[in-house]
Amino acid sequence: MPTIKYRAHGHRPPPQPIRITVPGWAGAKDARVDGSHEQPWHCIPFSESARYGVELVYPFDDELRVRTLDGRVTLDAEWGVPPDPDMMWPPFRPFGEDFYSYQISLDLEVPAGWAIRTEPHPRYFTDATNTTPLAVPALIRSDWWPMMFFCIFKAPPPGVTHIFRKGEGFISLIALPADPELELIPMTDEEAAQREMRSRRLAASRDALAEGTKWVSSTNTVFDGTYRNMARAVRARTRSPGA
């Protein structure tokens, strides 16, 4: 992965790795045992995706509540005195009728050929209260764009309030190739047959691969650790290629 360099204007915390918080936004500390309720952190693909980027946390003592009233976004906070005289204050502005902006005063430099993509924070997808802000995805080619970032958020629907609280992550930032250069082609008949054979072998071996990990949740859904065990084995093999 590339080295990402950052500079921040004013008293803003730097980006930090996203950590799965349990108990917290990733769910309750329920073990994978019969009768437990399924939790977001139980899902390895979700957990790995959530940790893939870095996050920014809301730095201000003043809590911000965002609503949509009479078809327009409203930003409610007791901002007080700006913490830095050179800072745009308040740092939030309406952006049209359905969006609002936040001047995060952060510059991220990536190597040539790379870019920064903004994403909703993963806790947006686990928040049963629907109060987590919704960051709009954007691709910033910051190898040649040295400007301070601002980010755009989608206003909540009527009756819903998005809340920014000090110390809570509100956006995810991911470094990725600026131009994916993907080529999508169908598998050949031979390739498709090989994938199908592998899937059937995995299905036939699933009980052995999942031994000791099968459980039934409180919603009567059956889970097992097949994917988790295979992922662990592949990582171990990757770390020890000569094994």
C-alpha atoms as a PDB file:
ATOM      1  CA  MET A   1       0.000   0.000   0.000  1.00  0.00           C
ATOM      2  CA  PRO A   2       1.184   3.568  -0.621  1.00  0.00           C
ATOM      3  CA  THR A   3       2.385   6.030   1.984  1.00  0.00           C
ATOM      4  CA  ILE A   4      -0.205   8.739   2.620  1.00  0.00           C
ATOM      5  CA  LYS A   5       0.983  12.061   4.013  1.00  0.00           C
ATOM      6  CA  TYR A   6      -1.366  14.527   5.686  1.00  0.00           C
ATOM      7  CA  ARG A   7      -1.480  18.073   6.955  1.00  0.00           C
ATOM      8  CA  ALA A   8      -4.296  19.591   8.979  1.00  0.00           C
ATOM      9  CA  HIS A   9      -5.271  23.209   9.476  1.00  0.00           C
ATOM     10  CA  GLY A  10      -6.303  24.301  12.939  1.00  0.00           C
ATOM     11  CA  HIS A  11      -6.901  22.082  15.929  1.00  0.00           C
ATOM     12  CA  ARG A  12      -8.135  18.995  14.140  1.00  0.00           C
ATOM     13  CA  PRO A  13      -7.270  15.402  15.071  1.00  0.00           C
ATOM     14  CA  PRO A  14      -5.386  13.507  12.363  1.00  0.00           C
ATOM     15  CA  PRO A  15      -6.902  10.590  10.459  1.00  0.00           C
ATOM     16  CA  GLN A  16      -6.747   7.329  12.347  1.00  0.00           C
ATOM     17  CA  PRO A  17      -7.284   3.654  11.533  1.00  0.00           C
ATOM     18  CA  ILE A  18     -10.878   2.495  11.919  1.00  0.00           C
ATOM     19  CA  ARG A  19     -11.235   0.117  14.827  1.00  0.00           C
ATOM     20  CA  ILE A  20     -14.126  -2.248  15.341  1.00  0.00           C
ATOM     21  CA  THR A  21     -15.818  -1.091  18.551  1.00  0.00           C
ATOM     22  CA  VAL A  22     -17.502  -3.882  20.547  1.00  0.00           C
ATOM     23  CA  PRO A  23     -19.649  -3.157  22.396  1.00  0.00           C
ATOM     24  CA  GLY A  24     -20.392  -0.077  20.315  1.00  0.00           C
ATOM     25  CA  TRP A  25     -21.222   0.733  16.713  1.00  0.00           C
ATOM     26  CA  ALA A  26     -20.156  -2.750  15.531  1.00  0.00           C
ATOM     27  CA  GLY A  27     -22.684  -4.422  17.814  1.00  0.00           C
ATOM     28  CA  ALA A  28     -23.091  -5.936  21.232  1.00  0.00           C
ATOM     29  CA  LYS A  29     -20.537  -8.290  22.752  1.00  0.00           C
ATOM     30  CA  ASP A  30     -22.597 -11.387  21.971  1.00  0.00           C
ATOM     31  CA  ALA A  31     -20.566 -14.528  21.397  1.00  0.00           C
ATOM     32  CA  ARG A  32     -21.207 -16.736  18.384  1.00  0.00           C
ATOM     33  CA  VAL A  33     -23.256 -19.272  20.327  1.00  0.00           C
ATOM     34  CA  ASP A  34     -26.770 -20.658  20.106  1.00  0.00           C
ATOM     35  CA  GLY A  35     -29.396 -18.128  21.149  1.00  0.00           C
ATOM     36  CA  SER A  36     -27.220 -15.051  20.581  1.00  0.00           C
ATOM     37  CA  HIS A  37     -28.455 -12.278  18.350  1.00  0.00           C
ATOM     38  CA  GLU A  38     -26.376 -11.811  15.206  1.00  0.00           C
ATOM     39  CA  GLN A  39     -24.095  -8.754  15.340  1.00  0.00           C
ATOM     40  CA  PRO A  40     -22.355  -6.790  12.579  1.00  0.00           C
ATOM     41  CA  TRP A  41     -18.902  -7.735  13.880  1.00  0.00           C
ATOM     42  CA  HIS A  42     -19.775 -11.421  13.486  1.00  0.00           C
ATOM     43  CA  CYS A  43     -19.505 -10.908   9.710  1.00  0.00           C
ATOM     44  CA  ILE A  44     -15.868 -11.120   8.623  1.00  0.00           C
ATOM     45  CA  PRO A  45     -16.415  -9.471   5.199  1.00  0.00           C
ATOM     46  CA  PHE A  46     -18.077  -6.503   6.912  1.00  0.00           C
ATOM     47  CA  SER A  47     -15.411  -6.232   9.624  1.00  0.00           C
ATOM     48  CA  GLU A  48     -12.564  -6.367   7.129  1.00  0.00           C
ATOM     49  CA  SER A  49     -14.262  -3.804   4.905  1.00  0.00           C
ATOM     50  CA  ALA A  50     -14.897  -1.503   7.879  1.00  0.00           C
ATOM     51  CA  ARG A  51     -11.221  -1.573   8.881  1.00  0.00           C
ATOM     52  CA  TYR A  52      -9.951  -1.025   5.343  1.00  0.00           C
ATOM     53  CA  GLY A  53      -9.944   2.770   5.482  1.00  0.00           C
ATOM     54  CA  VAL A  54      -9.094   5.481   7.975  1.00  0.00           C
ATOM     55  CA  GLU A  55     -11.601   7.677   9.764  1.00  0.00           C
ATOM     56  CA  LEU A  56     -11.990  11.252  10.845  1.00  0.00           C
ATOM     57  CA  VAL A  57     -13.622  11.928  14.197  1.00  0.00           C
ATOM     58  CA  TYR A  58     -15.699  14.966  15.019  1.00  0.00           C
ATOM     59  CA  PRO A  59     -13.412  17.306  16.994  1.00  0.00           C
ATOM     60  CA  PHE A  60     -15.738  19.940  18.445  1.00  0.00           C
ATOM     61  CA  ASP A  61     -17.415  20.132  21.839  1.00  0.00           C
ATOM     62  CA  ASP A  62     -20.504  21.613  20.176  1.00  0.00           C
ATOM     63  CA  GLU A  63     -22.879  18.862  19.105  1.00  0.00           C
ATOM     64  CA  LEU A  64     -24.378  19.394  15.652  1.00  0.00           C
ATOM     65  CA  ARG A  65     -27.881  18.216  14.740  1.00  0.00           C
ATOM     66  CA  VAL A  66     -28.879  18.108  11.101  1.00  0.00           C
ATOM     67  CA  ARG A  67     -32.523  17.996  10.036  1.00  0.00           C
ATOM     68  CA  THR A  68     -34.646  18.626   6.977  1.00  0.00           C
ATOM     69  CA  LEU A  69     -37.425  21.118   7.672  1.00  0.00           C
ATOM     70  CA  ASP A  70     -39.829  22.473   5.053  1.00  0.00           C
ATOM     71  CA  GLY A  71     -37.707  20.905   2.342  1.00  0.00           C
ATOM     72  CA  ARG A  72     -34.427  22.523   3.404  1.00  0.00           C
ATOM     73  CA  VAL A  73     -31.477  21.331   5.455  1.00  0.00           C
ATOM     74  CA  THR A  74     -31.040  22.930   8.901  1.00  0.00           C
ATOM     75  CA  LEU A  75     -27.833  22.865  10.959  1.00  0.00           C
ATOM     76  CA  ASP A  76     -28.375  23.329  14.695  1.00  0.00           C
ATOM     77  CA  ALA A  77     -25.423  23.866  17.047  1.00  0.00           C
ATOM     78  CA  GLU A  78     -24.224  26.322  19.686  1.00  0.00           C
ATOM     79  CA  TRP A  79     -20.926  27.068  17.996  1.00  0.00           C
ATOM     80  CA  GLY A  80     -19.549  29.750  20.275  1.00  0.00           C
ATOM     81  CA  VAL A  81     -16.075  31.193  19.648  1.00  0.00           C
ATOM     82  CA  PRO A  82     -14.000  29.566  16.861  1.00  0.00           C
ATOM     83  CA  PRO A  83     -11.087  27.513  18.266  1.00  0.00           C
ATOM     84  CA  ASP A  84      -8.801  29.025  15.621  1.00  0.00           C
ATOM     85  CA  PRO A  85      -9.158  32.615  14.340  1.00  0.00           C
ATOM     86  CA  ASP A  86      -8.189  31.587  10.798  1.00  0.00           C
ATOM     87  CA  MET A  87     -10.753  28.770  10.644  1.00  0.00           C
ATOM     88  CA  MET A  88     -13.943  29.063   8.595  1.00  0.00           C
ATOM     89  CA  TRP A  89     -16.608  29.239  11.290  1.00  0.00           C
ATOM     90  CA  PRO A  90     -18.954  27.557  11.581  1.00  0.00           C
ATOM     91  CA  PRO A  91     -17.348  24.846   9.460  1.00  0.00           C
ATOM     92  CA  PHE A  92     -20.685  23.550   8.139  1.00  0.00           C
ATOM     93  CA  ARG A  93     -22.767  25.127   5.371  1.00  0.00           C
ATOM     94  CA  PRO A  94     -25.937  24.141   3.504  1.00  0.00           C
ATOM     95  CA  PHE A  95     -25.067  22.855   0.046  1.00  0.00           C
ATOM     96  CA  GLY A  96     -28.205  23.207  -2.009  1.00  0.00           C
ATOM     97  CA  GLU A  97     -31.467  21.985  -0.528  1.00  0.00           C
ATOM     98  CA  ASP A  98     -30.589  18.332   0.058  1.00  0.00           C
ATOM     99  CA  PHE A  99     -26.923  18.402   1.058  1.00  0.00           C
ATOM    100  CA  TYR A 100     -24.496  20.204   3.367  1.00  0.00           C
ATOM    101  CA  SER A 101     -20.739  20.661   3.444  1.00  0.00           C
ATOM    102  CA  TYR A 102     -18.114  20.372   6.164  1.00  0.00           C
ATOM    103  CA  GLN A 103     -14.746  22.106   5.840  1.00  0.00           C
ATOM    104  CA  ILE A 104     -12.566  19.387   7.360  1.00  0.00           C
ATOM    105  CA  SER A 105      -9.351  21.408   6.733  1.00  0.00           C
ATOM    106  CA  LEU A 106      -7.355  18.312   5.857  1.00  0.00           C
ATOM    107  CA  ASP A 107      -4.985  17.671   2.966  1.00  0.00           C
ATOM    108  CA  LEU A 108      -3.985  14.110   2.086  1.00  0.00           C
ATOM    109  CA  GLU A 109      -1.145  13.493  -0.363  1.00  0.00           C
ATOM    110  CA  VAL A 110      -1.007  10.186  -2.218  1.00  0.00           C
ATOM    111  CA  PRO A 111       1.573   8.970  -4.765  1.00  0.00           C
ATOM    112  CA  ALA A 112       0.991   9.469  -8.482  1.00  0.00           C
ATOM    113  CA  GLY A 113      -1.631   7.091  -9.805  1.00  0.00           C
ATOM    114  CA  TRP A 114      -3.488   6.923  -6.481  1.00  0.00           C
ATOM    115  CA  ALA A 115      -6.489   8.823  -5.123  1.00  0.00           C
ATOM    116  CA  ILE A 116      -8.529   9.251  -1.946  1.00  0.00           C
ATOM    117  CA  ARG A 117     -12.144   8.091  -1.954  1.00  0.00           C
ATOM    118  CA  THR A 118     -14.534   9.366   0.698  1.00  0.00           C
ATOM    119  CA  GLU A 119     -17.129   6.889   1.962  1.00  0.00           C
ATOM    120  CA  PRO A 120     -19.830   6.778   4.620  1.00  0.00           C
ATOM    121  CA  HIS A 121     -18.392   5.685   7.948  1.00  0.00           C
ATOM    122  CA  PRO A 122     -19.142   1.968   8.458  1.00  0.00           C
ATOM    123  CA  ARG A 123     -21.158   2.758  11.578  1.00  0.00           C
ATOM    124  CA  TYR A 124     -23.744   4.390   9.303  1.00  0.00           C
ATOM    125  CA  PHE A 125     -24.762   0.895   8.183  1.00  0.00           C
ATOM    126  CA  THR A 126     -25.079  -0.511  11.720  1.00  0.00           C
ATOM    127  CA  ASP A 127     -26.820   2.442  13.384  1.00  0.00           C
ATOM    128  CA  ALA A 128     -30.355   1.420  14.337  1.00  0.00           C
ATOM    129  CA  THR A 129     -31.105   5.004  15.443  1.00  0.00           C
ATOM    130  CA  ASN A 130     -30.389   6.412  11.949  1.00  0.00           C
ATOM    131  CA  THR A 131     -28.503   9.353  13.483  1.00  0.00           C
ATOM    132  CA  THR A 132     -25.116   8.735  11.823  1.00  0.00           C
ATOM    133  CA  PRO A 133     -24.226  11.309   9.127  1.00  0.00           C
ATOM    134  CA  LEU A 134     -24.221  10.094   5.528  1.00  0.00           C
ATOM    135  CA  ALA A 135     -21.039  11.121   3.695  1.00  0.00           C
ATOM    136  CA  VAL A 136     -21.313  11.337  -0.085  1.00  0.00           C
ATOM    137  CA  PRO A 137     -18.691   9.284  -1.983  1.00  0.00           C
ATOM    138  CA  ALA A 138     -16.105  11.322  -3.876  1.00  0.00           C
ATOM    139  CA  LEU A 139     -12.792  10.560  -5.577  1.00  0.00           C
ATOM    140  CA  ILE A 140     -10.046  13.138  -4.906  1.00  0.00           C
ATOM    141  CA  ARG A 141      -6.923  12.954  -7.082  1.00  0.00           C
ATOM    142  CA  SER A 142      -4.760  14.512  -4.426  1.00  0.00           C
ATOM    143  CA  ASP A 143      -1.410  13.706  -6.046  1.00  0.00           C
ATOM    144  CA  TRP A 144      -1.938  16.932  -8.070  1.00  0.00           C
ATOM    145  CA  TRP A 145      -4.649  18.621  -5.928  1.00  0.00           C
ATOM    146  CA  PRO A 146      -2.933  20.111  -2.836  1.00  0.00           C
ATOM    147  CA  MET A 147      -6.004  21.912  -1.519  1.00  0.00           C
ATOM    148  CA  MET A 148      -7.634  21.401   1.865  1.00  0.00           C
ATOM    149  CA  PHE A 149     -10.547  18.978   1.686  1.00  0.00           C
ATOM    150  CA  PHE A 150     -14.169  19.667   2.317  1.00  0.00           C
ATOM    151  CA  CYS A 151     -16.730  16.898   2.251  1.00  0.00           C
ATOM    152  CA  ILE A 152     -20.404  16.702   1.333  1.00  0.00           C
ATOM    153  CA  PHE A 153     -23.133  14.967   3.295  1.00  0.00           C
ATOM    154  CA  LYS A 154     -26.646  13.962   2.308  1.00  0.00           C
ATOM    155  CA  ALA A 155     -29.318  15.645   4.394  1.00  0.00           C
ATOM    156  CA  PRO A 156     -31.517  13.226   6.368  1.00  0.00           C
ATOM    157  CA  PRO A 157     -35.117  12.637   5.299  1.00  0.00           C
ATOM    158  CA  PRO A 158     -37.879  14.478   7.189  1.00  0.00           C
ATOM    159  CA  GLY A 159     -38.318  13.174  10.725  1.00  0.00           C
ATOM    160  CA  VAL A 160     -34.713  11.928  10.981  1.00  0.00           C
ATOM    161  CA  THR A 161     -31.856  13.753  12.740  1.00  0.00           C
ATOM    162  CA  HIS A 162     -28.197  13.180  11.921  1.00  0.00           C
ATOM    163  CA  ILE A 163     -25.904  13.989  14.852  1.00  0.00           C
ATOM    164  CA  PHE A 164     -22.210  14.867  15.023  1.00  0.00           C
ATOM    165  CA  ARG A 165     -20.785  14.144  18.478  1.00  0.00           C
ATOM    166  CA  LYS A 166     -17.258  14.764  19.700  1.00  0.00           C
ATOM    167  CA  GLY A 167     -15.016  11.737  19.245  1.00  0.00           C
ATOM    168  CA  GLU A 168     -17.350   9.868  16.881  1.00  0.00           C
ATOM    169  CA  GLY A 169     -16.212   8.854  13.412  1.00  0.00           C
ATOM    170  CA  PHE A 170     -18.197  10.522  10.654  1.00  0.00           C
ATOM    171  CA  ILE A 171     -16.415   9.588   7.405  1.00  0.00           C
ATOM    172  CA  SER A 172     -14.155   6.880   5.989  1.00  0.00           C
ATOM    173  CA  LEU A 173     -11.208   7.651   3.682  1.00  0.00           C
ATOM    174  CA  ILE A 174      -9.754   4.966   1.434  1.00  0.00           C
ATOM    175  CA  ALA A 175      -6.648   5.089  -0.767  1.00  0.00           C
ATOM    176  CA  LEU A 176      -7.077   3.285  -4.080  1.00  0.00           C
ATOM    177  CA  PRO A 177      -5.828   3.405  -7.679  1.00  0.00           C
ATOM    178  CA  ALA A 178      -7.074   6.601  -9.330  1.00  0.00           C
ATOM    179  CA  ASP A 179      -8.050   4.753 -12.504  1.00  0.00           C
ATOM    180  CA  PRO A 180      -9.217   1.179 -11.937  1.00  0.00           C
ATOM    181  CA  GLU A 181      -8.579   0.042 -15.526  1.00  0.00           C
ATOM    182  CA  LEU A 182     -10.826  -2.955 -15.005  1.00  0.00           C
ATOM    183  CA  GLU A 183     -11.632  -5.348 -17.798  1.00  0.00           C
ATOM    184  CA  LEU A 184     -14.780  -7.419 -17.364  1.00  0.00           C
ATOM    185  CA  ILE A 185     -14.957 -10.601 -19.409  1.00  0.00           C
ATOM    186  CA  PRO A 186     -17.025 -13.762 -18.979  1.00  0.00           C
ATOM    187  CA  MET A 187     -15.291 -16.891 -17.808  1.00  0.00           C
ATOM    188  CA  THR A 188     -14.525 -19.496 -20.384  1.00  0.00           C
ATOM    189  CA  ASP A 189     -16.497 -22.722 -20.095  1.00  0.00           C
ATOM    190  CA  GLU A 190     -13.405 -24.404 -18.647  1.00  0.00           C
ATOM    191  CA  GLU A 191     -12.857 -21.650 -16.066  1.00  0.00           C
ATOM    192  CA  ALA A 192     -16.519 -21.675 -15.032  1.00  0.00           C
ATOM    193  CA  ALA A 193     -16.429 -25.467 -14.680  1.00  0.00           C
ATOM    194  CA  GLN A 194     -13.337 -25.250 -12.481  1.00  0.00           C
ATOM    195  CA  ARG A 195     -14.977 -22.629 -10.221  1.00  0.00           C
ATOM    196  CA  GLU A 196     -18.108 -24.759  -9.986  1.00  0.00           C
ATOM    197  CA  MET A 197     -16.084 -27.835  -9.068  1.00  0.00           C
ATOM    198  CA  ARG A 198     -14.261 -25.872  -6.366  1.00  0.00           C
ATOM    199  CA  SER A 199     -17.551 -24.588  -4.949  1.00  0.00           C
ATOM    200  CA  ARG A 200     -19.015 -28.111  -4.845  1.00  0.00           C
ATOM    201  CA  ARG A 201     -15.921 -29.458  -3.095  1.00  0.00           C
ATOM    202  CA  LEU A 202     -16.141 -26.656  -0.545  1.00  0.00           C
ATOM    203  CA  ALA A 203     -19.843 -27.358   0.044  1.00  0.00           C
ATOM    204  CA  ALA A 204     -19.119 -31.074   0.513  1.00  0.00           C
ATOM    205  CA  SER A 205     -16.360 -30.263   3.026  1.00  0.00           C
ATOM    206  CA  ARG A 206     -18.247 -27.526   4.856  1.00  0.00           C
ATOM    207  CA  ASP A 207     -19.098 -29.561   7.947  1.00  0.00           C
ATOM    208  CA  ALA A 208     -15.419 -30.394   8.436  1.00  0.00           C
ATOM    209  CA  LEU A 209     -14.258 -26.846   7.696  1.00  0.00           C
ATOM    210  CA  ALA A 210     -16.790 -25.435  10.146  1.00  0.00           C
ATOM    211  CA  GLU A 211     -16.310 -28.014  12.886  1.00  0.00           C
ATOM    212  CA  GLY A 212     -17.069 -26.533  16.293  1.00  0.00           C
ATOM    213  CA  THR A 213     -18.273 -23.190  14.918  1.00  0.00           C
ATOM    214  CA  LYS A 214     -21.909 -23.794  13.914  1.00  0.00           C
ATOM    215  CA  TRP A 215     -24.553 -21.895  15.886  1.00  0.00           C
ATOM    216  CA  VAL A 216     -28.186 -20.822  15.582  1.00  0.00           C
ATOM    217  CA  SER A 217     -29.055 -17.212  16.337  1.00  0.00           C
ATOM    218  CA  SER A 218     -32.060 -15.865  18.214  1.00  0.00           C
ATOM    219  CA  THR A 219     -33.728 -15.286  14.835  1.00  0.00           C
ATOM    220  CA  ASN A 220     -33.273 -18.980  13.978  1.00  0.00           C
ATOM    221  CA  THR A 221     -30.545 -18.281  11.424  1.00  0.00           C
ATOM    222  CA  VAL A 222     -27.776 -20.855  11.091  1.00  0.00           C
ATOM    223  CA  PHE A 223     -24.193 -19.574  11.027  1.00  0.00           C
ATOM    224  CA  ASP A 224     -20.820 -21.258  10.889  1.00  0.00           C
ATOM    225  CA  GLY A 225     -17.164 -20.281  10.712  1.00  0.00           C
ATOM    226  CA  THR A 226     -16.253 -21.753   7.324  1.00  0.00           C
ATOM    227  CA  TYR A 227     -15.324 -18.425   5.738  1.00  0.00           C
ATOM    228  CA  ARG A 228     -13.606 -17.238   8.925  1.00  0.00           C
ATOM    229  CA  ASN A 229     -11.512 -20.404   9.212  1.00  0.00           C
ATOM    230  CA  MET A 230     -10.522 -20.328   5.550  1.00  0.00           C
ATOM    231  CA  ALA A 231      -9.572 -16.651   5.737  1.00  0.00           C
ATOM    232  CA  ARG A 232      -7.393 -17.365   8.758  1.00  0.00           C
ATOM    233  CA  ALA A 233      -5.690 -20.266   6.957  1.00  0.00           C
ATOM    234  CA  VAL A 234      -5.016 -18.205   3.822  1.00  0.00           C
ATOM    235  CA  ARG A 235      -3.512 -15.364   5.876  1.00  0.00           C
ATOM    236  CA  ALA A 236      -1.258 -17.797   7.716  1.00  0.00           C
ATOM    237  CA  ARG A 237      -0.125 -19.334   4.437  1.00  0.00           C
ATOM    238  CA  THR A 238       0.539 -15.889   2.936  1.00  0.00           C
ATOM    239  CA  ARG A 239       2.698 -14.922   5.908  1.00  0.00           C
ATOM    240  CA  SER A 240       4.677 -18.183   5.620  1.00  0.00           C
ATOM    241  CA  PRO A 241       4.967 -18.820   1.867  1.00  0.00           C
ATOM    242  CA  GLY A 242       7.576 -21.542   2.379  1.00  0.00           C
ATOM    243  CA  ALA A 243       5.367 -23.550   4.728  1.00  0.00           C
END
